[in-house]
PDB file of N, CA and C in Angstrom:
ATOM      1  N   MET A   1       1.121  17.557 -31.494  1.00  0.00           N
ATOM      2  CA  MET A   1       0.555  17.228 -30.045  1.00  0.00           C
ATOM      3  C   MET A   1       1.030  18.438 -29.165  1.00  0.00           C
ATOM      4  N   SER A   2       0.127  19.441 -28.793  1.00  0.00           N
ATOM      5  CA  SER A   2       0.475  20.467 -28.034  1.00  0.00           C
ATOM      6  C   SER A   2       0.364  20.491 -26.371  1.00  0.00           C
ATOM      7  N   GLU A   3      -0.025  19.271 -26.048  1.00  0.00           N
ATOM      8  CA  GLU A   3      -0.253  19.060 -24.502  1.00  0.00           C
ATOM      9  C   GLU A   3       0.806  19.208 -23.727  1.00  0.00           C
ATOM     10  N   PRO A   4       2.049  18.654 -24.138  1.00  0.00           N
ATOM     11  CA  PRO A   4       3.202  18.987 -23.174  1.00  0.00           C
ATOM     12  C   PRO A   4       3.693  20.536 -23.143  1.00  0.00           C
ATOM     13  N   ALA A   5       3.491  21.167 -24.266  1.00  0.00           N
ATOM     14  CA  ALA A   5       3.754  22.531 -24.356  1.00  0.00           C
ATOM     15  C   ALA A   5       2.752  23.280 -23.542  1.00  0.00           C
ATOM     16  N   THR A   6       1.484  22.973 -23.540  1.00  0.00           N
ATOM     17  CA  THR A   6       0.457  23.678 -22.752  1.00  0.00           C
ATOM     18  C   THR A   6       0.661  23.375 -21.302  1.00  0.00           C
ATOM     19  N   ALA A   7       1.019  22.139 -20.937  1.00  0.00           N
ATOM     20  CA  ALA A   7       1.271  21.807 -19.484  1.00  0.00           C
ATOM     21  C   ALA A   7       2.408  22.622 -18.941  1.00  0.00           C
ATOM     22  N   THR A   8       3.370  22.738 -19.791  1.00  0.00           N
ATOM     23  CA  THR A   8       4.668  23.354 -19.314  1.00  0.00           C
ATOM     24  C   THR A   8       4.408  24.969 -19.089  1.00  0.00           C
ATOM     25  N   VAL A   9       3.519  25.586 -19.963  1.00  0.00           N
ATOM     26  CA  VAL A   9       3.238  27.016 -19.784  1.00  0.00           C
ATOM     27  C   VAL A   9       2.145  27.213 -18.558  1.00  0.00           C
ATOM     28  N   VAL A  10       1.510  26.256 -18.445  1.00  0.00           N
ATOM     29  CA  VAL A  10       0.628  26.314 -17.094  1.00  0.00           C
ATOM     30  C   VAL A  10       1.375  26.157 -15.981  1.00  0.00           C
ATOM     31  N   VAL A  11       2.367  25.195 -15.832  1.00  0.00           N
ATOM     32  CA  VAL A  11       3.227  25.075 -14.859  1.00  0.00           C
ATOM     33  C   VAL A  11       3.979  26.149 -14.432  1.00  0.00           C
ATOM     34  N   ALA A  12       4.628  26.649 -15.566  1.00  0.00           N
ATOM     35  CA  ALA A  12       5.400  27.899 -15.465  1.00  0.00           C
ATOM     36  C   ALA A  12       4.710  29.003 -14.856  1.00  0.00           C
ATOM     37  N   GLY A  13       3.368  29.183 -15.347  1.00  0.00           N
ATOM     38  CA  GLY A  13       2.582  30.228 -14.914  1.00  0.00           C
ATOM     39  C   GLY A  13       2.236  30.128 -13.601  1.00  0.00           C
ATOM     40  N   ALA A  14       1.861  28.946 -13.074  1.00  0.00           N
ATOM     41  CA  ALA A  14       1.557  28.682 -11.687  1.00  0.00           C
ATOM     42  C   ALA A  14       2.855  28.867 -10.713  1.00  0.00           C
ATOM     43  N   ALA A  15       3.886  28.457 -11.171  1.00  0.00           N
ATOM     44  CA  ALA A  15       4.976  28.780 -10.482  1.00  0.00           C
ATOM     45  C   ALA A  15       5.255  30.247 -10.105  1.00  0.00           C
ATOM     46  N   GLY A  16       5.007  30.950 -11.175  1.00  0.00           N
ATOM     47  CA  GLY A  16       5.184  32.424 -11.121  1.00  0.00           C
ATOM     48  C   GLY A  16       4.102  33.017 -10.202  1.00  0.00           C
ATOM     49  N   PHE A  17       2.935  32.523 -10.422  1.00  0.00           N
ATOM     50  CA  PHE A  17       1.828  32.809  -9.430  1.00  0.00           C
ATOM     51  C   PHE A  17       2.095  32.544  -8.115  1.00  0.00           C
ATOM     52  N   ALA A  18       2.622  31.344  -7.813  1.00  0.00           N
ATOM     53  CA  ALA A  18       3.179  30.961  -6.381  1.00  0.00           C
ATOM     54  C   ALA A  18       4.162  31.911  -5.878  1.00  0.00           C
ATOM     55  N   ALA A  19       5.109  32.263  -6.667  1.00  0.00           N
ATOM     56  CA  ALA A  19       6.185  33.159  -6.240  1.00  0.00           C
ATOM     57  C   ALA A  19       5.644  34.445  -5.903  1.00  0.00           C
ATOM     58  N   THR A  20       4.707  34.987  -6.778  1.00  0.00           N
ATOM     59  CA  THR A  20       4.086  36.363  -6.315  1.00  0.00           C
ATOM     60  C   THR A  20       3.282  36.142  -5.122  1.00  0.00           C
ATOM     61  N   GLY A  21       2.683  34.994  -4.865  1.00  0.00           N
ATOM     62  CA  GLY A  21       1.876  34.732  -3.796  1.00  0.00           C
ATOM     63  C   GLY A  21       2.480  34.943  -2.506  1.00  0.00           C
ATOM     64  N   LEU A  22       3.895  34.550  -2.452  1.00  0.00           N
ATOM     65  CA  LEU A  22       4.647  34.605  -1.155  1.00  0.00           C
ATOM     66  C   LEU A  22       4.742  36.045  -0.791  1.00  0.00           C
ATOM     67  N   VAL A  23       4.725  36.991  -1.625  1.00  0.00           N
ATOM     68  CA  VAL A  23       4.732  38.520  -1.304  1.00  0.00           C
ATOM     69  C   VAL A  23       3.359  38.933  -1.050  1.00  0.00           C
ATOM     70  N   ALA A  24       2.324  38.493  -1.712  1.00  0.00           N
ATOM     71  CA  ALA A  24       0.923  38.905  -1.676  1.00  0.00           C
ATOM     72  C   ALA A  24       0.043  38.240  -0.661  1.00  0.00           C
ATOM     73  N   GLY A  25       0.584  37.350   0.090  1.00  0.00           N
ATOM     74  CA  GLY A  25      -0.253  36.575   1.081  1.00  0.00           C
ATOM     75  C   GLY A  25      -1.240  35.554   0.454  1.00  0.00           C
ATOM     76  N   ILE A  26      -0.932  34.887  -0.640  1.00  0.00           N
ATOM     77  CA  ILE A  26      -1.666  33.835  -1.158  1.00  0.00           C
ATOM     78  C   ILE A  26      -1.204  32.610  -0.651  1.00  0.00           C
ATOM     79  N   ASP A  27      -1.972  31.664  -0.373  1.00  0.00           N
ATOM     80  CA  ASP A  27      -1.692  30.334   0.354  1.00  0.00           C
ATOM     81  C   ASP A  27      -0.970  29.558  -0.757  1.00  0.00           C
ATOM     82  N   VAL A  28       0.297  29.329  -0.618  1.00  0.00           N
ATOM     83  CA  VAL A  28       1.235  28.725  -1.697  1.00  0.00           C
ATOM     84  C   VAL A  28       0.776  27.196  -1.712  1.00  0.00           C
ATOM     85  N   LEU A  29       0.489  26.516  -0.490  1.00  0.00           N
ATOM     86  CA  LEU A  29       0.225  25.163  -0.469  1.00  0.00           C
ATOM     87  C   LEU A  29      -1.164  24.830  -1.287  1.00  0.00           C
ATOM     88  N   ALA A  30      -2.100  25.779  -1.122  1.00  0.00           N
ATOM     89  CA  ALA A  30      -3.345  25.624  -1.849  1.00  0.00           C
ATOM     90  C   ALA A  30      -3.185  25.886  -3.318  1.00  0.00           C
ATOM     91  N   VAL A  31      -2.255  26.703  -3.742  1.00  0.00           N
ATOM     92  CA  VAL A  31      -2.000  26.930  -5.157  1.00  0.00           C
ATOM     93  C   VAL A  31      -1.440  25.542  -5.747  1.00  0.00           C
ATOM     94  N   ILE A  32      -0.468  25.122  -5.005  1.00  0.00           N
ATOM     95  CA  ILE A  32       0.187  23.783  -5.595  1.00  0.00           C
ATOM     96  C   ILE A  32      -0.949  22.627  -5.541  1.00  0.00           C
ATOM     97  N   GLY A  33      -1.659  22.511  -4.543  1.00  0.00           N
ATOM     98  CA  GLY A  33      -2.718  21.436  -4.546  1.00  0.00           C
ATOM     99  C   GLY A  33      -3.774  21.699  -5.678  1.00  0.00           C
ATOM    100  N   ALA A  34      -4.154  22.759  -5.749  1.00  0.00           N
ATOM    101  CA  ALA A  34      -5.062  23.094  -7.008  1.00  0.00           C
ATOM    102  C   ALA A  34      -4.542  22.919  -8.270  1.00  0.00           C
ATOM    103  N   LEU A  35      -3.292  23.211  -8.441  1.00  0.00           N
ATOM    104  CA  LEU A  35      -2.601  22.947  -9.743  1.00  0.00           C
ATOM    105  C   LEU A  35      -2.333  21.512  -9.972  1.00  0.00           C
ATOM    106  N   ALA A  36      -1.970  20.763  -8.944  1.00  0.00           N
ATOM    107  CA  ALA A  36      -1.795  19.250  -9.075  1.00  0.00           C
ATOM    108  C   ALA A  36      -3.188  18.684  -9.355  1.00  0.00           C
ATOM    109  N   GLY A  37      -4.243  19.061  -8.793  1.00  0.00           N
ATOM    110  CA  GLY A  37      -5.663  18.500  -9.115  1.00  0.00           C
ATOM    111  C   GLY A  37      -6.032  18.724 -10.521  1.00  0.00           C
ATOM    112  N   SER A  38      -5.847  20.022 -10.874  1.00  0.00           N
ATOM    113  CA  SER A  38      -6.229  20.381 -12.213  1.00  0.00           C
ATOM    114  C   SER A  38      -5.526  19.714 -13.281  1.00  0.00           C
ATOM    115  N   LEU A  39      -4.158  19.547 -13.070  1.00  0.00           N
ATOM    116  CA  LEU A  39      -3.390  18.728 -13.913  1.00  0.00           C
ATOM    117  C   LEU A  39      -3.778  17.334 -14.010  1.00  0.00           C
ATOM    118  N   VAL A  40      -4.161  16.714 -13.011  1.00  0.00           N
ATOM    119  CA  VAL A  40      -4.554  15.345 -13.074  1.00  0.00           C
ATOM    120  C   VAL A  40      -5.950  15.362 -13.943  1.00  0.00           C
ATOM    121  N   PHE A  41      -6.904  16.157 -13.642  1.00  0.00           N
ATOM    122  CA  PHE A  41      -7.993  16.300 -14.446  1.00  0.00           C
ATOM    123  C   PHE A  41      -7.650  16.480 -15.904  1.00  0.00           C
ATOM    124  N   PHE A  42      -6.797  17.349 -16.270  1.00  0.00           N
ATOM    125  CA  PHE A  42      -6.371  17.738 -17.610  1.00  0.00           C
ATOM    126  C   PHE A  42      -5.682  16.493 -18.387  1.00  0.00           C
ATOM    127  N   THR A  43      -4.995  15.817 -17.692  1.00  0.00           N
ATOM    128  CA  THR A  43      -4.312  14.619 -18.308  1.00  0.00           C
ATOM    129  C   THR A  43      -5.067  13.578 -18.565  1.00  0.00           C
ATOM    130  N   THR A  44      -6.279  13.285 -17.701  1.00  0.00           N
ATOM    131  CA  THR A  44      -7.067  12.151 -17.745  1.00  0.00           C
ATOM    132  C   THR A  44      -8.305  12.151 -18.564  1.00  0.00           C
ATOM    133  N   THR A  45      -8.483  13.388 -19.117  1.00  0.00           N
ATOM    134  CA  THR A  45      -9.637  13.419 -19.982  1.00  0.00           C
ATOM    135  C   THR A  45      -9.272  13.652 -21.521  1.00  0.00           C
ATOM    136  N   GLU A  46      -8.694  12.583 -22.015  1.00  0.00           N
ATOM    137  CA  GLU A  46      -8.194  12.731 -23.323  1.00  0.00           C
ATOM    138  C   GLU A  46      -9.220  12.620 -24.454  1.00  0.00           C
ATOM    139  N   GLU A  47     -10.368  12.373 -24.063  1.00  0.00           N
ATOM    140  CA  GLU A  47     -11.549  12.217 -25.093  1.00  0.00           C
ATOM    141  C   GLU A  47     -11.971  13.673 -25.421  1.00  0.00           C
ATOM    142  N   ARG A  48     -11.714  14.617 -24.715  1.00  0.00           N
ATOM    143  CA  ARG A  48     -12.206  15.993 -25.053  1.00  0.00           C
ATOM    144  C   ARG A  48     -11.074  16.696 -25.816  1.00  0.00           C
ATOM    145  N   PRO A  49     -11.553  17.699 -26.547  1.00  0.00           N
ATOM    146  CA  PRO A  49     -10.612  18.585 -27.388  1.00  0.00           C
ATOM    147  C   PRO A  49      -9.759  19.264 -26.425  1.00  0.00           C
ATOM    148  N   VAL A  50      -8.489  19.700 -26.846  1.00  0.00           N
ATOM    149  CA  VAL A  50      -7.549  20.379 -26.065  1.00  0.00           C
ATOM    150  C   VAL A  50      -8.126  21.674 -25.465  1.00  0.00           C
ATOM    151  N   TRP A  51      -8.831  22.505 -26.379  1.00  0.00           N
ATOM    152  CA  TRP A  51      -9.226  23.920 -25.915  1.00  0.00           C
ATOM    153  C   TRP A  51     -10.127  23.633 -24.715  1.00  0.00           C
ATOM    154  N   GLU A  52     -11.156  22.550 -24.706  1.00  0.00           N
ATOM    155  CA  GLU A  52     -11.890  22.336 -23.610  1.00  0.00           C
ATOM    156  C   GLU A  52     -11.255  21.966 -22.253  1.00  0.00           C
ATOM    157  N   ARG A  53     -10.203  20.958 -22.508  1.00  0.00           N
ATOM    158  CA  ARG A  53      -9.367  20.678 -21.450  1.00  0.00           C
ATOM    159  C   ARG A  53      -8.720  21.824 -20.749  1.00  0.00           C
ATOM    160  N   VAL A  54      -8.221  22.672 -21.658  1.00  0.00           N
ATOM    161  CA  VAL A  54      -7.438  23.941 -20.953  1.00  0.00           C
ATOM    162  C   VAL A  54      -8.512  24.707 -20.295  1.00  0.00           C
ATOM    163  N   LEU A  55      -9.621  24.962 -20.801  1.00  0.00           N
ATOM    164  CA  LEU A  55     -10.707  25.653 -20.052  1.00  0.00           C
ATOM    165  C   LEU A  55     -11.018  25.018 -18.769  1.00  0.00           C
ATOM    166  N   PHE A  56     -11.250  23.770 -18.704  1.00  0.00           N
ATOM    167  CA  PHE A  56     -11.424  22.995 -17.546  1.00  0.00           C
ATOM    168  C   PHE A  56     -10.314  23.147 -16.555  1.00  0.00           C
ATOM    169  N   LEU A  57      -9.084  22.993 -17.033  1.00  0.00           N
ATOM    170  CA  LEU A  57      -7.911  23.098 -16.232  1.00  0.00           C
ATOM    171  C   LEU A  57      -8.080  24.429 -15.416  1.00  0.00           C
ATOM    172  N   VAL A  58      -8.214  25.560 -16.153  1.00  0.00           N
ATOM    173  CA  VAL A  58      -8.211  26.883 -15.518  1.00  0.00           C
ATOM    174  C   VAL A  58      -9.563  26.981 -14.548  1.00  0.00           C
ATOM    175  N   VAL A  59     -10.648  26.432 -14.895  1.00  0.00           N
ATOM    176  CA  VAL A  59     -11.813  26.369 -13.945  1.00  0.00           C
ATOM    177  C   VAL A  59     -11.464  25.529 -12.769  1.00  0.00           C
ATOM    178  N   SER A  60     -10.896  24.344 -12.999  1.00  0.00           N
ATOM    179  CA  SER A  60     -10.570  23.502 -11.901  1.00  0.00           C
ATOM    180  C   SER A  60      -9.388  24.212 -11.008  1.00  0.00           C
ATOM    181  N   PHE A  61      -8.392  24.786 -11.560  1.00  0.00           N
ATOM    182  CA  PHE A  61      -7.520  25.357 -10.653  1.00  0.00           C
ATOM    183  C   PHE A  61      -7.999  26.524  -9.764  1.00  0.00           C
ATOM    184  N   VAL A  62      -8.862  27.427 -10.461  1.00  0.00           N
ATOM    185  CA  VAL A  62      -9.344  28.617  -9.641  1.00  0.00           C
ATOM    186  C   VAL A  62     -10.310  28.128  -8.607  1.00  0.00           C
ATOM    187  N   MET A  63     -11.311  27.194  -8.946  1.00  0.00           N
ATOM    188  CA  MET A  63     -12.285  26.794  -8.018  1.00  0.00           C
ATOM    189  C   MET A  63     -11.628  25.794  -6.864  1.00  0.00           C
ATOM    190  N   GLY A  64     -10.664  25.105  -7.244  1.00  0.00           N
ATOM    191  CA  GLY A  64      -9.842  24.289  -6.280  1.00  0.00           C
ATOM    192  C   GLY A  64      -9.183  25.287  -5.240  1.00  0.00           C
ATOM    193  N   TYR A  65      -8.682  26.279  -5.777  1.00  0.00           N
ATOM    194  CA  TYR A  65      -8.129  27.218  -4.719  1.00  0.00           C
ATOM    195  C   TYR A  65      -9.239  27.846  -3.908  1.00  0.00           C
ATOM    196  N   LEU A  66     -10.156  28.297  -4.487  1.00  0.00           N
ATOM    197  CA  LEU A  66     -11.193  29.036  -3.712  1.00  0.00           C
ATOM    198  C   LEU A  66     -12.010  27.942  -2.764  1.00  0.00           C
ATOM    199  N   PHE A  67     -12.160  26.863  -3.170  1.00  0.00           N
ATOM    200  CA  PHE A  67     -12.828  25.805  -2.218  1.00  0.00           C
ATOM    201  C   PHE A  67     -11.835  25.258  -1.114  1.00  0.00           C
ATOM    202  N   ALA A  68     -10.588  25.460  -1.172  1.00  0.00           N
ATOM    203  CA  ALA A  68      -9.681  24.771  -0.304  1.00  0.00           C
ATOM    204  C   ALA A  68      -9.941  25.067   1.108  1.00  0.00           C
ATOM    205  N   PRO A  69     -10.350  26.411   1.590  1.00  0.00           N
ATOM    206  CA  PRO A  69     -10.613  26.602   3.000  1.00  0.00           C
ATOM    207  C   PRO A  69     -11.900  25.753   3.456  1.00  0.00           C
ATOM    208  N   ALA A  70     -12.962  25.653   2.554  1.00  0.00           N
ATOM    209  CA  ALA A  70     -14.129  24.931   2.938  1.00  0.00           C
ATOM    210  C   ALA A  70     -13.739  23.574   3.092  1.00  0.00           C
ATOM    211  N   MET A  71     -12.958  22.978   2.280  1.00  0.00           N
ATOM    212  CA  MET A  71     -12.753  21.444   2.255  1.00  0.00           C
ATOM    213  C   MET A  71     -11.780  21.243   3.554  1.00  0.00           C
ATOM    214  N   ALA A  72     -11.036  22.144   3.899  1.00  0.00           N
ATOM    215  CA  ALA A  72     -10.159  21.973   4.957  1.00  0.00           C
ATOM    216  C   ALA A  72     -10.939  22.080   6.375  1.00  0.00           C
ATOM    217  N   ASP A  73     -12.125  22.609   6.274  1.00  0.00           N
ATOM    218  CA  ASP A  73     -13.010  22.617   7.529  1.00  0.00           C
ATOM    219  C   ASP A  73     -13.860  21.343   7.526  1.00  0.00           C
ATOM    220  N   VAL A  74     -14.143  20.595   6.410  1.00  0.00           N
ATOM    221  CA  VAL A  74     -14.966  19.338   6.470  1.00  0.00           C
ATOM    222  C   VAL A  74     -14.411  18.438   7.591  1.00  0.00           C
ATOM    223  N   GLU A  75     -15.502  17.912   8.267  1.00  0.00           N
ATOM    224  CA  GLU A  75     -15.214  16.932   9.174  1.00  0.00           C
ATOM    225  C   GLU A  75     -16.253  15.705   9.185  1.00  0.00           C
ATOM    226  N   LEU A  76     -15.646  14.598   9.059  1.00  0.00           N
ATOM    227  CA  LEU A  76     -16.575  13.408   8.783  1.00  0.00           C
ATOM    228  C   LEU A  76     -16.216  12.464   9.937  1.00  0.00           C
ATOM    229  N   PHE A  77     -17.223  12.269  10.660  1.00  0.00           N
ATOM    230  CA  PHE A  77     -17.229  11.252  11.815  1.00  0.00           C
ATOM    231  C   PHE A  77     -16.042  11.620  12.796  1.00  0.00           C
ATOM    232  N   GLY A  78     -15.991  12.887  13.083  1.00  0.00           N
ATOM    233  CA  GLY A  78     -14.869  13.391  13.949  1.00  0.00           C
ATOM    234  C   GLY A  78     -13.534  13.484  13.282  1.00  0.00           C
ATOM    235  N   VAL A  79     -13.309  13.129  12.053  1.00  0.00           N
ATOM    236  CA  VAL A  79     -12.051  13.086  11.490  1.00  0.00           C
ATOM    237  C   VAL A  79     -12.185  14.200  10.306  1.00  0.00           C
ATOM    238  N   ARG A  80     -10.875  14.958  10.294  1.00  0.00           N
ATOM    239  CA  ARG A  80     -10.766  15.950   9.198  1.00  0.00           C
ATOM    240  C   ARG A  80      -9.929  15.323   8.092  1.00  0.00           C
ATOM    241  N   PRO A  81     -10.405  14.931   7.130  1.00  0.00           N
ATOM    242  CA  PRO A  81      -9.547  14.227   5.989  1.00  0.00           C
ATOM    243  C   PRO A  81      -8.613  15.183   5.308  1.00  0.00           C
ATOM    244  N   PHE A  82      -9.065  16.444   5.208  1.00  0.00           N
ATOM    245  CA  PHE A  82      -8.288  17.405   4.592  1.00  0.00           C
ATOM    246  C   PHE A  82      -7.822  18.600   5.436  1.00  0.00           C
ATOM    247  N   LYS A  83      -6.980  18.324   6.399  1.00  0.00           N
ATOM    248  CA  LYS A  83      -6.615  19.181   7.475  1.00  0.00           C
ATOM    249  C   LYS A  83      -5.882  20.450   7.005  1.00  0.00           C
ATOM    250  N   TYR A  84      -5.020  20.164   5.890  1.00  0.00           N
ATOM    251  CA  TYR A  84      -4.035  21.147   5.257  1.00  0.00           C
ATOM    252  C   TYR A  84      -4.700  21.706   4.029  1.00  0.00           C
ATOM    253  N   ALA A  85      -4.186  22.782   3.659  1.00  0.00           N
ATOM    254  CA  ALA A  85      -4.753  23.536   2.453  1.00  0.00           C
ATOM    255  C   ALA A  85      -4.375  22.727   1.231  1.00  0.00           C
ATOM    256  N   GLY A  86      -3.216  22.243   1.146  1.00  0.00           N
ATOM    257  CA  GLY A  86      -2.713  21.600  -0.079  1.00  0.00           C
ATOM    258  C   GLY A  86      -3.590  20.378  -0.535  1.00  0.00           C
ATOM    259  N   PRO A  87      -3.715  19.413   0.412  1.00  0.00           N
ATOM    260  CA  PRO A  87      -4.685  18.227  -0.077  1.00  0.00           C
ATOM    261  C   PRO A  87      -6.044  18.716  -0.235  1.00  0.00           C
ATOM    262  N   ALA A  88      -6.493  19.628   0.519  1.00  0.00           N
ATOM    263  CA  ALA A  88      -7.978  20.223   0.418  1.00  0.00           C
ATOM    264  C   ALA A  88      -8.107  20.837  -1.000  1.00  0.00           C
ATOM    265  N   ALA A  89      -7.136  21.676  -1.482  1.00  0.00           N
ATOM    266  CA  ALA A  89      -7.249  22.223  -2.738  1.00  0.00           C
ATOM    267  C   ALA A  89      -7.199  21.205  -3.884  1.00  0.00           C
ATOM    268  N   PHE A  90      -6.298  20.195  -3.781  1.00  0.00           N
ATOM    269  CA  PHE A  90      -6.223  19.099  -4.612  1.00  0.00           C
ATOM    270  C   PHE A  90      -7.606  18.334  -4.831  1.00  0.00           C
ATOM    271  N   GLY A  91      -8.096  18.081  -3.699  1.00  0.00           N
ATOM    272  CA  GLY A  91      -9.356  17.214  -3.686  1.00  0.00           C
ATOM    273  C   GLY A  91     -10.603  18.154  -4.325  1.00  0.00           C
ATOM    274  N   ALA A  92     -10.598  19.440  -3.937  1.00  0.00           N
ATOM    275  CA  ALA A  92     -11.712  20.357  -4.444  1.00  0.00           C
ATOM    276  C   ALA A  92     -11.382  20.489  -5.993  1.00  0.00           C
ATOM    277  N   SER A  93     -10.215  20.693  -6.538  1.00  0.00           N
ATOM    278  CA  SER A  93     -10.044  20.845  -8.012  1.00  0.00           C
ATOM    279  C   SER A  93     -10.384  19.565  -8.770  1.00  0.00           C
ATOM    280  N   VAL A  94     -10.064  18.463  -8.254  1.00  0.00           N
ATOM    281  CA  VAL A  94     -10.510  17.251  -8.888  1.00  0.00           C
ATOM    282  C   VAL A  94     -12.047  16.966  -8.920  1.00  0.00           C
ATOM    283  N   VAL A  95     -12.680  17.344  -7.943  1.00  0.00           N
ATOM    284  CA  VAL A  95     -14.082  17.167  -7.702  1.00  0.00           C
ATOM    285  C   VAL A  95     -15.003  18.202  -8.387  1.00  0.00           C
ATOM    286  N   VAL A  96     -14.577  19.450  -8.428  1.00  0.00           N
ATOM    287  CA  VAL A  96     -15.360  20.533  -8.800  1.00  0.00           C
ATOM    288  C   VAL A  96     -15.808  20.454 -10.390  1.00  0.00           C
ATOM    289  N   VAL A  97     -14.950  20.138 -11.222  1.00  0.00           N
ATOM    290  CA  VAL A  97     -15.315  19.990 -12.637  1.00  0.00           C
ATOM    291  C   VAL A  97     -16.075  18.768 -12.863  1.00  0.00           C
ATOM    292  N   THR A  98     -15.566  17.567 -12.237  1.00  0.00           N
ATOM    293  CA  THR A  98     -16.385  16.356 -12.336  1.00  0.00           C
ATOM    294  C   THR A  98     -17.785  16.501 -12.041  1.00  0.00           C
ATOM    295  N   VAL A  99     -17.968  16.975 -10.908  1.00  0.00           N
ATOM    296  CA  VAL A  99     -19.358  17.266 -10.428  1.00  0.00           C
ATOM    297  C   VAL A  99     -20.165  18.114 -11.426  1.00  0.00           C
ATOM    298  N   ALA A 100     -19.591  19.138 -11.880  1.00  0.00           N
ATOM    299  CA  ALA A 100     -20.144  20.168 -12.810  1.00  0.00           C
ATOM    300  C   ALA A 100     -20.488  19.431 -14.054  1.00  0.00           C
ATOM    301  N   LEU A 101     -19.625  18.807 -14.646  1.00  0.00           N
ATOM    302  CA  LEU A 101     -19.861  17.969 -15.783  1.00  0.00           C
ATOM    303  C   LEU A 101     -20.959  16.918 -15.694  1.00  0.00           C
ATOM    304  N   ALA A 102     -21.094  16.324 -14.482  1.00  0.00           N
ATOM    305  CA  ALA A 102     -22.126  15.243 -14.218  1.00  0.00           C
ATOM    306  C   ALA A 102     -23.574  15.928 -14.067  1.00  0.00           C
ATOM    307  N   VAL A 103     -23.460  17.054 -13.444  1.00  0.00           N
ATOM    308  CA  VAL A 103     -24.667  17.952 -13.402  1.00  0.00           C
ATOM    309  C   VAL A 103     -25.237  18.384 -14.840  1.00  0.00           C
ATOM    310  N   ILE A 104     -24.460  18.794 -15.639  1.00  0.00           N
ATOM    311  CA  ILE A 104     -24.597  19.244 -16.955  1.00  0.00           C
ATOM    312  C   ILE A 104     -25.204  18.113 -17.752  1.00  0.00           C
ATOM    313  N   LYS A 105     -24.527  16.956 -17.725  1.00  0.00           N
ATOM    314  CA  LYS A 105     -24.928  15.839 -18.388  1.00  0.00           C
ATOM    315  C   LYS A 105     -26.211  15.335 -18.129  1.00  0.00           C
ATOM    316  N   ARG A 106     -26.588  15.272 -16.806  1.00  0.00           N
ATOM    317  CA  ARG A 106     -27.663  14.815 -16.233  1.00  0.00           C
ATOM    318  C   ARG A 106     -28.916  15.816 -16.705  1.00  0.00           C
ATOM    319  N   ARG A 107     -28.643  17.166 -16.711  1.00  0.00           N
ATOM    320  CA  ARG A 107     -29.632  18.113 -16.944  1.00  0.00           C
ATOM    321  C   ARG A 107     -29.990  17.964 -18.413  1.00  0.00           C
ATOM    322  N   GLY A 108     -28.820  17.735 -19.194  1.00  0.00           N
ATOM    323  CA  GLY A 108     -29.082  17.563 -20.864  1.00  0.00           C
ATOM    324  C   GLY A 108     -29.990  16.391 -21.038  1.00  0.00           C
ATOM    325  N   SER A 109     -29.719  15.373 -20.337  1.00  0.00           N
ATOM    326  CA  SER A 109     -30.581  14.061 -20.583  1.00  0.00           C
ATOM    327  C   SER A 109     -32.193  14.357 -20.147  1.00  0.00           C
ATOM    328  N   MET A 110     -32.187  15.143 -19.189  1.00  0.00           N
ATOM    329  CA  MET A 110     -33.598  15.364 -18.611  1.00  0.00           C
ATOM    330  C   MET A 110     -34.268  16.383 -19.670  1.00  0.00           C
ATOM    331  N   ALA A 111     -33.617  17.072 -20.418  1.00  0.00           N
ATOM    332  CA  ALA A 111     -34.238  18.188 -21.317  1.00  0.00           C
ATOM    333  C   ALA A 111     -34.575  17.420 -22.677  1.00  0.00           C
ATOM    334  N   GLU A 112     -34.274  16.050 -22.895  1.00  0.00           N
ATOM    335  CA  GLU A 112     -34.637  15.361 -23.980  1.00  0.00           C
ATOM    336  C   GLU A 112     -36.117  15.115 -23.984  1.00  0.00           C
ATOM    337  N   PRO A 113     -36.926  15.279 -25.052  1.00  0.00           N
ATOM    338  CA  PRO A 113     -38.332  15.054 -24.943  1.00  0.00           C
ATOM    339  C   PRO A 113     -38.534  13.425 -24.712  1.00  0.00           C
ATOM    340  N   GLN A 114     -39.691  13.239 -23.900  1.00  0.00           N
ATOM    341  CA  GLN A 114     -39.903  11.870 -23.487  1.00  0.00           C
ATOM    342  C   GLN A 114     -41.289  11.526 -24.096  1.00  0.00           C
ATOM    343  N   GLY A 115     -41.583  10.391 -24.176  1.00  0.00           N
ATOM    344  CA  GLY A 115     -42.858   9.938 -24.760  1.00  0.00           C
ATOM    345  C   GLY A 115     -42.864   9.732 -26.243  1.00  0.00           C
ATOM    346  N   ARG A 116     -44.122   9.694 -26.737  1.00  0.00           N
ATOM    347  CA  ARG A 116     -44.145   9.477 -28.206  1.00  0.00           C
ATOM    348  C   ARG A 116     -43.932  10.700 -28.984  1.00  0.00           C
ATOM    349  N   GLN A 117     -43.505  10.713 -30.138  1.00  0.00           N
ATOM    350  CA  GLN A 117     -43.313  11.836 -30.964  1.00  0.00           C
ATOM    351  C   GLN A 117     -44.211  11.717 -32.310  1.00  0.00           C
ATOM    352  N   ASP A 118     -44.889  12.790 -32.533  1.00  0.00           N
ATOM    353  CA  ASP A 118     -45.662  12.816 -33.928  1.00  0.00           C
ATOM    354  C   ASP A 118     -44.748  12.803 -35.033  1.00  0.00           C
ATOM    355  N   GLY A 119     -45.129  12.251 -36.112  1.00  0.00           N
ATOM    356  CA  GLY A 119     -44.451  12.567 -37.181  1.00  0.00           C
ATOM    357  C   GLY A 119     -44.483  11.398 -38.155  1.00  0.00           C
TER     358      GLY A 119
END
């Protein structure tokens, strides 16, 4: 079982990335939020192989960080649920892969042939 080792490497890498971000101007709160959201996704999708989960973890982390400013600007009925970058990145990283997988699954089911088949 290599999941704890993989998670340790990812956390250590993100900590290094966050430390570098202090110097380079990267939003550390968004990095931590995106990492937390991607780890939640990684640990809750046990039915997938580890290599897919690691790939989705990276995609979730990167896209969660990139979508954080957009999520922080969302306003629903006069309320901003994600006012700060950390929670916004967390929400974005959890949602982005889930929505992408749902779209891919739906598109795959639409591509199946419908009706009668000769044979």
